[in-house]
Every structure is written in structure tokens, then in C-alpha cells.
Amino acid sequence: MTKRMSPPTVIADAIGKAVTARRPRTRYATGFGARPLIGLRRLLSDRTFDTLVSRSMGLPR
């Protein structure tokens, strides 16, 4: 597993919390880089953010 990938248990724990929560949150920042990514989302325009995410995943523009 690469350093940037979170173990599946981290994601499973977040899903478990969301399913059992009395008042679930809209978003759960879980996994490597989730919080900074949410911060960037607030700062950047939709087009810029989409381009950044697409390039980081190796997707065509």
C-alpha cells in the first residue's frame, strides 16, 4: 500500500459512524489528505478544483 492510501478500516470506521449516528454529518473528512482537500475546495473555483483533482488522479482534462 502506498503512503497516500488510508487503510480500509479507516474508511469503514467512518461509514460505521455515519450509519449509526443519530444526526449524521453531511461530510466526513476521512483518509489521507481529506481535510486539506476540503479546504482547497472552499478556496478554488469549480473549474480549477476539478482540473486539480483530475490531474492528481491521472484523468484526461
Protein backbone atom coordinates (compact mmCIF):
# COMPACT_ATOMS: atom_id res chain seq x y z
CA MET A 1 0.00 0.00 0.00
CA THR A 2 1.37 3.44 -0.81
CA LYS A 3 1.88 6.12 1.83
CA ARG A 4 -1.02 8.17 0.48
CA MET A 5 -3.62 5.46 0.80
CA SER A 6 -5.58 5.03 4.01
CA PRO A 7 -6.25 1.55 5.31
CA PRO A 8 -9.76 0.31 4.52
CA THR A 9 -10.51 0.16 8.24
CA VAL A 10 -10.30 3.96 8.48
CA ILE A 11 -12.98 4.35 5.82
CA ALA A 12 -15.07 1.52 7.28
CA ASP A 13 -14.98 3.17 10.70
CA ALA A 14 -16.23 6.46 9.21
CA ILE A 15 -19.04 4.65 7.40
CA GLY A 16 -19.97 2.89 10.62
CA LYS A 17 -20.15 6.20 12.47
CA ALA A 18 -22.28 7.73 9.73
CA VAL A 19 -24.71 4.82 9.68
CA THR A 20 -25.14 4.69 13.45
CA ALA A 21 -25.09 8.45 14.13
CA ARG A 22 -28.26 9.95 15.48
CA ARG A 23 -27.69 13.05 13.35
CA PRO A 24 -25.12 12.18 10.66
CA ARG A 25 -22.96 14.92 9.24
CA THR A 26 -23.10 15.89 5.57
CA ARG A 27 -19.43 15.08 5.04
CA TYR A 28 -16.84 13.01 6.85
CA ALA A 29 -13.25 14.05 6.18
CA THR A 30 -11.64 10.64 6.20
CA GLY A 31 -8.44 9.37 4.70
CA PHE A 32 -5.18 10.85 3.56
CA GLY A 33 -5.45 14.49 2.54
CA ALA A 34 -9.21 14.80 3.05
CA ARG A 35 -9.11 17.89 5.25
CA PRO A 36 -6.71 19.89 3.05
CA LEU A 37 -8.77 18.91 0.01
CA ILE A 38 -11.94 20.27 1.61
CA GLY A 39 -10.07 23.49 2.41
CA LEU A 40 -8.91 23.81 -1.20
CA ARG A 41 -12.45 23.21 -2.39
CA ARG A 42 -13.58 26.29 -0.49
CA LEU A 43 -10.78 28.45 -1.93
CA LEU A 44 -10.79 27.43 -5.59
CA SER A 45 -13.35 27.83 -8.33
CA ASP A 46 -15.22 24.73 -9.50
CA ARG A 47 -13.27 24.52 -12.74
CA THR A 48 -9.88 24.91 -11.06
CA PHE A 49 -10.71 22.36 -8.37
CA ASP A 50 -12.00 19.83 -10.92
CA THR A 51 -8.84 20.26 -13.01
CA LEU A 52 -6.64 19.77 -9.95
CA VAL A 53 -8.44 16.60 -8.90
CA SER A 54 -8.48 15.21 -12.45
CA ARG A 55 -4.74 15.75 -12.85
CA SER A 56 -3.95 14.21 -9.49
CA MET A 57 -5.88 11.07 -10.49
CA GLY A 58 -4.31 10.92 -13.93
CA LEU A 59 -7.60 11.57 -15.73
CA PRO A 60 -7.78 13.43 -19.03
CA ARG A 61 -8.96 17.03 -18.90
